[in-house]
Amino acid sequence: MSEKKTPAFNGTKEQEKELLKVIEKYKGTEGALIPVLHEAQEIYGYLPIEVQEIISEGLGVSMAEIYGVVTFYTQFTTNPKGKYKIAVCLGTACYVKGSGELVEKIKEKLNIEVGECSADGKYSLDATRCIGACGLAPVLTVNDDVYGRLVPEDIDGILAKYVD
C-alpha cells in the first residue's frame, strides 16, 4: 500500500486570524460548529487537523465531536484540493461507459489516489456521483470545465491543458 501523498499544512497567520474572528462571531451560539466548519473550509480550502484543533479550543468542543461532524458530512474534506480539481463521475451511466478506467488512468498519470492531492498541490482527484450530464457519459470535470464522451486515451490531452 502506498503512503498517502498530502502536502504539508501551510496555513498563514492571516488565515488563522480570520478563523479566530469566525469562532468569536459564533462563540456561545447553539449549533455553531457546522457554520464555523463551513467558514473555516472557505478560509483554508479544507479542514486539516490543525484547523480542527483551533476550532476545538475556540469553541470548547471536543476533537472527537469535530472529527465526527467533519467525516460524517460529505461537504467537508480533510484533504487539500489542488489548483486543478479533477472530478470523475462514477454515477451509473458514466460508470457503465467506462469512467472507472478514466479514474485508473488519471491515478497512474498523476501518481495520486482518489481523495488525494499531488505533492506539489497542483492536482486533486475525486470521484463524484451523477453530475447531470448523463448524455455525455463518461464525464469528468477540471474545476469548471466539463469533458464528456471520454476514453482513457483522452486523459493525456486534457491534463496537458492544466500545466503551469
N, C-alpha and C. Protein backbone atom coordinates (compact mmCIF):
# COMPACT_ATOMS: atom_id res chain seq x y z
N MET A 1 0.85 -1.18 0.00
CA MET A 1 0.00 0.00 0.00
C MET A 1 0.89 1.24 0.00
N SER A 2 0.63 2.18 -0.86
CA SER A 2 1.47 3.37 -0.94
C SER A 2 1.12 4.36 0.16
N GLU A 3 2.13 5.12 0.53
CA GLU A 3 1.93 6.13 1.55
C GLU A 3 1.15 7.28 0.94
N LYS A 4 0.19 7.80 1.65
CA LYS A 4 -0.66 8.87 1.15
C LYS A 4 0.16 10.13 0.93
N LYS A 5 -0.04 10.74 -0.23
CA LYS A 5 0.70 11.94 -0.57
C LYS A 5 -0.16 13.16 -0.29
N THR A 6 0.15 13.88 0.76
CA THR A 6 -0.60 15.07 1.11
C THR A 6 0.38 16.18 1.40
N PRO A 7 0.21 17.32 0.73
CA PRO A 7 1.11 18.44 1.04
C PRO A 7 1.00 18.82 2.52
N ALA A 8 2.09 19.27 3.07
CA ALA A 8 2.09 19.70 4.47
C ALA A 8 1.16 20.89 4.65
N PHE A 9 0.54 20.98 5.82
CA PHE A 9 -0.33 22.11 6.13
C PHE A 9 0.50 23.39 6.10
N ASN A 10 0.02 24.37 5.40
CA ASN A 10 0.76 25.63 5.32
C ASN A 10 -0.16 26.83 5.50
N GLY A 11 -0.98 26.77 6.54
CA GLY A 11 -1.87 27.88 6.84
C GLY A 11 -1.06 29.12 7.23
N THR A 12 -1.61 30.27 6.90
CA THR A 12 -0.93 31.52 7.20
C THR A 12 -1.49 32.14 8.48
N LYS A 13 -0.76 33.11 9.01
CA LYS A 13 -1.23 33.85 10.19
C LYS A 13 -2.51 34.61 9.86
N GLU A 14 -2.60 35.11 8.62
CA GLU A 14 -3.80 35.83 8.19
C GLU A 14 -5.02 34.91 8.21
N GLN A 15 -4.85 33.67 7.72
CA GLN A 15 -5.95 32.72 7.74
C GLN A 15 -6.36 32.39 9.17
N GLU A 16 -5.37 32.21 10.04
CA GLU A 16 -5.69 31.90 11.43
C GLU A 16 -6.43 33.06 12.09
N LYS A 17 -6.01 34.27 11.79
CA LYS A 17 -6.67 35.47 12.33
C LYS A 17 -8.13 35.51 11.86
N GLU A 18 -8.34 35.20 10.59
CA GLU A 18 -9.69 35.19 10.03
C GLU A 18 -10.55 34.10 10.70
N LEU A 19 -9.95 32.94 10.92
CA LEU A 19 -10.67 31.85 11.58
C LEU A 19 -11.04 32.22 13.01
N LEU A 20 -10.14 32.85 13.72
CA LEU A 20 -10.41 33.25 15.10
C LEU A 20 -11.56 34.27 15.16
N LYS A 21 -11.66 35.12 14.14
CA LYS A 21 -12.79 36.07 14.07
C LYS A 21 -14.11 35.30 13.88
N VAL A 22 -14.08 34.29 13.04
CA VAL A 22 -15.27 33.47 12.80
C VAL A 22 -15.69 32.77 14.09
N ILE A 23 -14.71 32.19 14.79
CA ILE A 23 -15.00 31.50 16.04
C ILE A 23 -15.61 32.47 17.05
N GLU A 24 -15.05 33.65 17.13
CA GLU A 24 -15.55 34.67 18.07
C GLU A 24 -16.99 35.06 17.72
N LYS A 25 -17.28 35.16 16.43
CA LYS A 25 -18.62 35.52 15.97
C LYS A 25 -19.67 34.50 16.42
N TYR A 26 -19.30 33.22 16.43
CA TYR A 26 -20.25 32.16 16.75
C TYR A 26 -20.16 31.65 18.18
N LYS A 27 -19.15 32.06 18.91
CA LYS A 27 -18.92 31.54 20.27
C LYS A 27 -20.18 31.71 21.12
N GLY A 28 -20.57 30.64 21.81
CA GLY A 28 -21.73 30.69 22.68
C GLY A 28 -23.06 30.50 21.97
N THR A 29 -23.03 30.37 20.64
CA THR A 29 -24.25 30.18 19.86
C THR A 29 -24.55 28.68 19.75
N GLU A 30 -25.77 28.30 20.02
CA GLU A 30 -26.20 26.91 19.89
C GLU A 30 -26.03 26.48 18.43
N GLY A 31 -25.45 25.31 18.20
CA GLY A 31 -25.28 24.79 16.84
C GLY A 31 -24.23 25.50 16.03
N ALA A 32 -23.24 26.11 16.69
CA ALA A 32 -22.22 26.91 16.00
C ALA A 32 -21.22 26.08 15.21
N LEU A 33 -21.05 24.82 15.57
CA LEU A 33 -19.97 24.03 14.97
C LEU A 33 -20.04 23.96 13.45
N ILE A 34 -21.18 23.62 12.91
CA ILE A 34 -21.27 23.45 11.45
C ILE A 34 -21.03 24.77 10.70
N PRO A 35 -21.62 25.89 11.11
CA PRO A 35 -21.29 27.14 10.40
C PRO A 35 -19.80 27.50 10.52
N VAL A 36 -19.20 27.25 11.67
CA VAL A 36 -17.76 27.54 11.83
C VAL A 36 -16.95 26.64 10.91
N LEU A 37 -17.31 25.37 10.83
CA LEU A 37 -16.59 24.46 9.93
C LEU A 37 -16.72 24.90 8.47
N HIS A 38 -17.92 25.33 8.08
CA HIS A 38 -18.12 25.82 6.70
C HIS A 38 -17.21 27.01 6.42
N GLU A 39 -17.22 27.97 7.33
CA GLU A 39 -16.40 29.17 7.11
C GLU A 39 -14.91 28.85 7.17
N ALA A 40 -14.53 27.93 8.04
CA ALA A 40 -13.13 27.52 8.12
C ALA A 40 -12.69 26.87 6.81
N GLN A 41 -13.56 26.04 6.24
CA GLN A 41 -13.22 25.40 4.97
C GLN A 41 -13.13 26.42 3.85
N GLU A 42 -13.95 27.46 3.90
CA GLU A 42 -13.84 28.54 2.91
C GLU A 42 -12.49 29.24 3.05
N ILE A 43 -12.02 29.42 4.25
CA ILE A 43 -10.76 30.11 4.51
C ILE A 43 -9.57 29.27 4.05
N TYR A 44 -9.55 28.00 4.41
CA TYR A 44 -8.40 27.13 4.16
C TYR A 44 -8.54 26.23 2.93
N GLY A 45 -9.77 26.02 2.48
CA GLY A 45 -9.99 25.12 1.36
C GLY A 45 -10.25 23.68 1.78
N TYR A 46 -9.95 23.37 3.03
CA TYR A 46 -10.18 22.05 3.61
C TYR A 46 -10.05 22.18 5.12
N LEU A 47 -10.23 21.06 5.84
CA LEU A 47 -10.22 21.11 7.30
C LEU A 47 -9.17 20.17 7.88
N PRO A 48 -7.91 20.56 7.80
CA PRO A 48 -6.86 19.71 8.37
C PRO A 48 -6.95 19.68 9.90
N ILE A 49 -6.27 18.74 10.50
CA ILE A 49 -6.30 18.56 11.95
C ILE A 49 -5.91 19.85 12.67
N GLU A 50 -4.97 20.59 12.12
CA GLU A 50 -4.53 21.84 12.75
C GLU A 50 -5.67 22.84 12.87
N VAL A 51 -6.51 22.92 11.86
CA VAL A 51 -7.66 23.83 11.87
C VAL A 51 -8.72 23.30 12.83
N GLN A 52 -8.93 22.00 12.83
CA GLN A 52 -9.89 21.40 13.75
C GLN A 52 -9.49 21.67 15.20
N GLU A 53 -8.19 21.63 15.49
CA GLU A 53 -7.71 21.91 16.85
C GLU A 53 -7.99 23.35 17.27
N ILE A 54 -7.81 24.29 16.36
CA ILE A 54 -8.10 25.70 16.66
C ILE A 54 -9.59 25.86 16.97
N ILE A 55 -10.42 25.21 16.18
CA ILE A 55 -11.87 25.28 16.38
C ILE A 55 -12.25 24.63 17.71
N SER A 56 -11.65 23.49 18.00
CA SER A 56 -11.93 22.79 19.25
C SER A 56 -11.63 23.68 20.45
N GLU A 57 -10.46 24.28 20.42
CA GLU A 57 -10.06 25.15 21.53
C GLU A 57 -10.95 26.40 21.60
N GLY A 58 -11.25 26.99 20.46
CA GLY A 58 -12.02 28.23 20.41
C GLY A 58 -13.47 28.07 20.82
N LEU A 59 -14.08 26.93 20.43
CA LEU A 59 -15.49 26.71 20.75
C LEU A 59 -15.70 25.85 21.99
N GLY A 60 -14.61 25.25 22.47
CA GLY A 60 -14.75 24.36 23.61
C GLY A 60 -15.49 23.08 23.25
N VAL A 61 -15.28 22.61 22.03
CA VAL A 61 -15.90 21.39 21.53
C VAL A 61 -14.81 20.34 21.40
N SER A 62 -15.10 19.11 21.77
CA SER A 62 -14.07 18.06 21.72
C SER A 62 -13.65 17.77 20.28
N MET A 63 -12.41 17.32 20.15
CA MET A 63 -11.90 16.93 18.83
C MET A 63 -12.72 15.75 18.29
N ALA A 64 -13.17 14.87 19.16
CA ALA A 64 -13.97 13.73 18.72
C ALA A 64 -15.26 14.19 18.06
N GLU A 65 -15.91 15.19 18.65
CA GLU A 65 -17.15 15.70 18.07
C GLU A 65 -16.87 16.38 16.73
N ILE A 66 -15.83 17.17 16.68
CA ILE A 66 -15.48 17.86 15.43
C ILE A 66 -15.16 16.84 14.34
N TYR A 67 -14.33 15.87 14.67
CA TYR A 67 -13.96 14.85 13.69
C TYR A 67 -15.20 14.08 13.22
N GLY A 68 -16.10 13.78 14.14
CA GLY A 68 -17.33 13.09 13.77
C GLY A 68 -18.16 13.87 12.78
N VAL A 69 -18.28 15.17 12.99
CA VAL A 69 -19.05 16.02 12.08
C VAL A 69 -18.34 16.13 10.72
N VAL A 70 -17.04 16.38 10.76
CA VAL A 70 -16.27 16.56 9.53
C VAL A 70 -16.30 15.30 8.66
N THR A 71 -16.23 14.15 9.28
CA THR A 71 -16.20 12.91 8.48
C THR A 71 -17.60 12.41 8.13
N PHE A 72 -18.63 12.88 8.81
CA PHE A 72 -19.99 12.46 8.51
C PHE A 72 -20.56 13.19 7.30
N TYR A 73 -20.38 14.50 7.24
CA TYR A 73 -20.96 15.31 6.17
C TYR A 73 -20.04 15.37 4.97
N THR A 74 -20.59 15.05 3.80
CA THR A 74 -19.76 14.98 2.59
C THR A 74 -19.26 16.33 2.10
N GLN A 75 -19.87 17.43 2.56
CA GLN A 75 -19.41 18.74 2.08
C GLN A 75 -18.10 19.16 2.74
N PHE A 76 -17.68 18.44 3.78
CA PHE A 76 -16.41 18.75 4.44
C PHE A 76 -15.32 17.81 3.95
N THR A 77 -14.12 18.31 3.86
CA THR A 77 -12.99 17.48 3.45
C THR A 77 -11.79 17.75 4.35
N THR A 78 -11.09 16.69 4.67
CA THR A 78 -9.87 16.82 5.47
C THR A 78 -8.64 16.79 4.57
N ASN A 79 -8.85 16.67 3.29
CA ASN A 79 -7.74 16.65 2.34
C ASN A 79 -7.73 17.94 1.52
N PRO A 80 -6.54 18.47 1.30
CA PRO A 80 -6.47 19.69 0.48
C PRO A 80 -6.88 19.38 -0.96
N LYS A 81 -7.35 20.38 -1.64
CA LYS A 81 -7.69 20.26 -3.05
C LYS A 81 -6.61 20.98 -3.84
N GLY A 82 -6.35 20.48 -5.02
CA GLY A 82 -5.32 21.06 -5.86
C GLY A 82 -5.81 22.31 -6.57
N LYS A 83 -4.89 22.99 -7.20
CA LYS A 83 -5.24 24.14 -8.04
C LYS A 83 -6.20 23.66 -9.12
N TYR A 84 -5.96 22.45 -9.62
CA TYR A 84 -6.83 21.84 -10.62
C TYR A 84 -7.56 20.68 -9.97
N LYS A 85 -8.84 20.87 -9.74
CA LYS A 85 -9.68 19.87 -9.06
C LYS A 85 -10.33 18.98 -10.12
N ILE A 86 -9.85 17.76 -10.20
CA ILE A 86 -10.37 16.80 -11.17
C ILE A 86 -11.41 15.94 -10.47
N ALA A 87 -12.58 15.87 -11.06
CA ALA A 87 -13.66 15.04 -10.51
C ALA A 87 -14.21 14.17 -11.63
N VAL A 88 -14.18 12.87 -11.40
CA VAL A 88 -14.68 11.91 -12.39
C VAL A 88 -16.02 11.38 -11.89
N CYS A 89 -17.02 11.46 -12.73
CA CYS A 89 -18.35 10.96 -12.37
C CYS A 89 -18.34 9.44 -12.38
N LEU A 90 -18.79 8.86 -11.27
CA LEU A 90 -18.92 7.41 -11.19
C LEU A 90 -20.39 7.01 -11.04
N GLY A 91 -21.29 7.91 -11.47
CA GLY A 91 -22.70 7.58 -11.49
C GLY A 91 -22.93 6.44 -12.47
N THR A 92 -24.10 5.86 -12.45
CA THR A 92 -24.37 4.65 -13.23
C THR A 92 -24.05 4.80 -14.71
N ALA A 93 -24.58 5.83 -15.36
CA ALA A 93 -24.36 5.99 -16.81
C ALA A 93 -22.87 6.12 -17.13
N CYS A 94 -22.17 6.93 -16.35
CA CYS A 94 -20.74 7.14 -16.59
C CYS A 94 -19.94 5.88 -16.29
N TYR A 95 -20.29 5.21 -15.21
CA TYR A 95 -19.54 4.01 -14.83
C TYR A 95 -19.69 2.92 -15.89
N VAL A 96 -20.93 2.73 -16.36
CA VAL A 96 -21.20 1.71 -17.38
C VAL A 96 -20.42 2.01 -18.66
N LYS A 97 -20.21 3.29 -18.92
CA LYS A 97 -19.50 3.67 -20.15
C LYS A 97 -17.99 3.85 -19.94
N GLY A 98 -17.47 3.45 -18.77
CA GLY A 98 -16.02 3.39 -18.62
C GLY A 98 -15.34 4.43 -17.74
N SER A 99 -16.08 5.13 -16.90
CA SER A 99 -15.43 6.15 -16.08
C SER A 99 -14.43 5.56 -15.08
N GLY A 100 -14.62 4.30 -14.69
CA GLY A 100 -13.66 3.65 -13.81
C GLY A 100 -12.28 3.58 -14.45
N GLU A 101 -12.24 3.35 -15.76
CA GLU A 101 -10.98 3.31 -16.49
C GLU A 101 -10.34 4.70 -16.54
N LEU A 102 -11.17 5.74 -16.60
CA LEU A 102 -10.64 7.11 -16.60
C LEU A 102 -9.95 7.39 -15.27
N VAL A 103 -10.59 6.98 -14.18
CA VAL A 103 -10.01 7.18 -12.85
C VAL A 103 -8.66 6.49 -12.78
N GLU A 104 -8.59 5.25 -13.24
CA GLU A 104 -7.33 4.50 -13.18
C GLU A 104 -6.23 5.18 -13.99
N LYS A 105 -6.58 5.71 -15.15
CA LYS A 105 -5.60 6.40 -16.00
C LYS A 105 -5.09 7.67 -15.31
N ILE A 106 -5.98 8.43 -14.70
CA ILE A 106 -5.59 9.66 -14.00
C ILE A 106 -4.71 9.33 -12.79
N LYS A 107 -5.10 8.33 -12.04
CA LYS A 107 -4.30 7.91 -10.88
C LYS A 107 -2.88 7.56 -11.32
N GLU A 108 -2.79 6.84 -12.41
CA GLU A 108 -1.48 6.42 -12.95
C GLU A 108 -0.67 7.63 -13.41
N LYS A 109 -1.31 8.54 -14.13
CA LYS A 109 -0.62 9.72 -14.68
C LYS A 109 -0.14 10.67 -13.58
N LEU A 110 -0.97 10.89 -12.57
CA LEU A 110 -0.66 11.88 -11.53
C LEU A 110 -0.03 11.26 -10.28
N ASN A 111 -0.02 9.93 -10.23
CA ASN A 111 0.54 9.22 -9.08
C ASN A 111 -0.14 9.62 -7.77
N ILE A 112 -1.47 9.72 -7.83
CA ILE A 112 -2.27 10.00 -6.64
C ILE A 112 -3.48 9.08 -6.63
N GLU A 113 -4.07 8.92 -5.47
CA GLU A 113 -5.28 8.12 -5.32
C GLU A 113 -6.49 9.06 -5.27
N VAL A 114 -7.67 8.49 -5.42
CA VAL A 114 -8.90 9.27 -5.27
C VAL A 114 -8.91 9.86 -3.86
N GLY A 115 -9.23 11.15 -3.77
CA GLY A 115 -9.26 11.84 -2.49
C GLY A 115 -7.95 12.49 -2.12
N GLU A 116 -6.93 12.32 -2.95
CA GLU A 116 -5.62 12.89 -2.65
C GLU A 116 -5.32 14.11 -3.50
N CYS A 117 -4.30 14.81 -3.06
CA CYS A 117 -3.78 15.98 -3.77
C CYS A 117 -2.32 15.68 -4.09
N SER A 118 -1.87 16.08 -5.26
CA SER A 118 -0.47 15.84 -5.61
C SER A 118 0.43 16.62 -4.66
N ALA A 119 1.65 16.12 -4.47
CA ALA A 119 2.59 16.72 -3.52
C ALA A 119 2.88 18.18 -3.84
N ASP A 120 2.80 18.55 -5.11
CA ASP A 120 3.06 19.95 -5.50
C ASP A 120 1.82 20.83 -5.35
N GLY A 121 0.69 20.23 -4.94
CA GLY A 121 -0.53 21.00 -4.72
C GLY A 121 -1.26 21.37 -6.00
N LYS A 122 -0.81 20.84 -7.14
CA LYS A 122 -1.39 21.22 -8.42
C LYS A 122 -2.71 20.51 -8.74
N TYR A 123 -2.77 19.21 -8.44
CA TYR A 123 -3.91 18.41 -8.84
C TYR A 123 -4.52 17.67 -7.66
N SER A 124 -5.84 17.56 -7.67
CA SER A 124 -6.53 16.67 -6.74
C SER A 124 -7.52 15.86 -7.55
N LEU A 125 -7.80 14.67 -7.06
CA LEU A 125 -8.68 13.75 -7.78
C LEU A 125 -9.80 13.29 -6.86
N ASP A 126 -11.03 13.44 -7.32
CA ASP A 126 -12.18 12.98 -6.57
C ASP A 126 -13.10 12.21 -7.49
N ALA A 127 -13.82 11.27 -6.89
CA ALA A 127 -14.87 10.55 -7.59
C ALA A 127 -16.18 11.18 -7.14
N THR A 128 -17.06 11.43 -8.08
CA THR A 128 -18.35 12.04 -7.75
C THR A 128 -19.47 11.12 -8.21
N ARG A 129 -20.65 11.44 -7.77
CA ARG A 129 -21.83 10.75 -8.27
C ARG A 129 -22.40 11.60 -9.39
N CYS A 130 -23.52 11.27 -9.89
CA CYS A 130 -24.10 11.91 -11.07
C CYS A 130 -23.99 13.43 -11.03
N ILE A 131 -23.47 13.99 -12.11
CA ILE A 131 -23.38 15.46 -12.20
C ILE A 131 -24.42 16.01 -13.18
N GLY A 132 -25.29 15.14 -13.68
CA GLY A 132 -26.38 15.59 -14.53
C GLY A 132 -26.01 15.74 -16.00
N ALA A 133 -24.95 15.09 -16.43
CA ALA A 133 -24.56 15.16 -17.84
C ALA A 133 -24.50 13.75 -18.42
N CYS A 134 -25.50 12.95 -18.09
CA CYS A 134 -25.51 11.54 -18.48
C CYS A 134 -25.40 11.33 -19.99
N GLY A 135 -25.93 12.25 -20.76
CA GLY A 135 -25.86 12.15 -22.22
C GLY A 135 -24.44 12.28 -22.74
N LEU A 136 -23.54 12.78 -21.92
CA LEU A 136 -22.13 12.93 -22.31
C LEU A 136 -21.25 11.85 -21.69
N ALA A 137 -21.84 10.85 -21.06
CA ALA A 137 -21.09 9.84 -20.31
C ALA A 137 -20.02 9.16 -21.17
N PRO A 138 -18.87 8.87 -20.55
CA PRO A 138 -18.44 9.24 -19.20
C PRO A 138 -17.90 10.67 -19.15
N VAL A 139 -18.09 11.31 -18.00
CA VAL A 139 -17.80 12.73 -17.83
C VAL A 139 -16.79 12.94 -16.71
N LEU A 140 -15.93 13.94 -16.91
CA LEU A 140 -15.09 14.42 -15.81
C LEU A 140 -15.05 15.93 -15.88
N THR A 141 -14.75 16.54 -14.76
CA THR A 141 -14.59 17.99 -14.71
C THR A 141 -13.20 18.31 -14.18
N VAL A 142 -12.68 19.42 -14.66
CA VAL A 142 -11.46 20.00 -14.11
C VAL A 142 -11.86 21.43 -13.77
N ASN A 143 -11.95 21.70 -12.47
CA ASN A 143 -12.52 22.96 -11.98
C ASN A 143 -13.90 23.12 -12.60
N ASP A 144 -14.12 24.15 -13.41
CA ASP A 144 -15.44 24.37 -14.00
C ASP A 144 -15.56 23.86 -15.44
N ASP A 145 -14.50 23.23 -15.95
CA ASP A 145 -14.52 22.71 -17.32
C ASP A 145 -15.06 21.29 -17.32
N VAL A 146 -15.99 21.01 -18.24
CA VAL A 146 -16.62 19.69 -18.33
C VAL A 146 -16.14 19.00 -19.61
N TYR A 147 -15.76 17.73 -19.47
CA TYR A 147 -15.32 16.92 -20.61
C TYR A 147 -16.17 15.67 -20.65
N GLY A 148 -16.69 15.35 -21.84
CA GLY A 148 -17.56 14.20 -21.96
C GLY A 148 -17.23 13.30 -23.11
N ARG A 149 -17.91 12.14 -23.12
CA ARG A 149 -17.71 11.10 -24.13
C ARG A 149 -16.23 10.72 -24.22
N LEU A 150 -15.66 10.44 -23.07
CA LEU A 150 -14.22 10.22 -22.96
C LEU A 150 -13.82 8.76 -23.03
N VAL A 151 -12.58 8.56 -23.43
CA VAL A 151 -11.91 7.26 -23.35
C VAL A 151 -10.57 7.53 -22.66
N PRO A 152 -9.95 6.51 -22.09
CA PRO A 152 -8.70 6.74 -21.36
C PRO A 152 -7.63 7.48 -22.18
N GLU A 153 -7.64 7.28 -23.48
CA GLU A 153 -6.64 7.94 -24.34
C GLU A 153 -6.81 9.46 -24.38
N ASP A 154 -7.96 9.97 -23.95
CA ASP A 154 -8.20 11.42 -23.93
C ASP A 154 -7.53 12.10 -22.74
N ILE A 155 -7.17 11.35 -21.72
CA ILE A 155 -6.68 11.93 -20.46
C ILE A 155 -5.41 12.75 -20.64
N ASP A 156 -4.44 12.24 -21.40
CA ASP A 156 -3.19 12.99 -21.59
C ASP A 156 -3.45 14.38 -22.16
N GLY A 157 -4.31 14.47 -23.16
CA GLY A 157 -4.61 15.75 -23.78
C GLY A 157 -5.32 16.70 -22.84
N ILE A 158 -6.21 16.17 -22.02
CA ILE A 158 -6.93 17.00 -21.05
C ILE A 158 -5.95 17.54 -20.01
N LEU A 159 -5.14 16.66 -19.44
CA LEU A 159 -4.18 17.09 -18.41
C LEU A 159 -3.16 18.08 -18.96
N ALA A 160 -2.82 17.97 -20.24
CA ALA A 160 -1.85 18.88 -20.86
C ALA A 160 -2.34 20.34 -20.84
N LYS A 161 -3.64 20.54 -20.75
CA LYS A 161 -4.22 21.88 -20.70
C LYS A 161 -4.02 22.55 -19.34
N TYR A 162 -3.67 21.74 -18.33
CA TYR A 162 -3.59 22.25 -16.97
C TYR A 162 -2.17 22.10 -16.41
N VAL A 163 -1.23 22.59 -17.17
CA VAL A 163 0.17 22.60 -16.74
C VAL A 163 0.60 24.05 -16.66
N ASP A 164 1.22 24.42 -15.55
CA ASP A 164 1.66 25.82 -15.42
C ASP A 164 3.00 26.04 -16.07
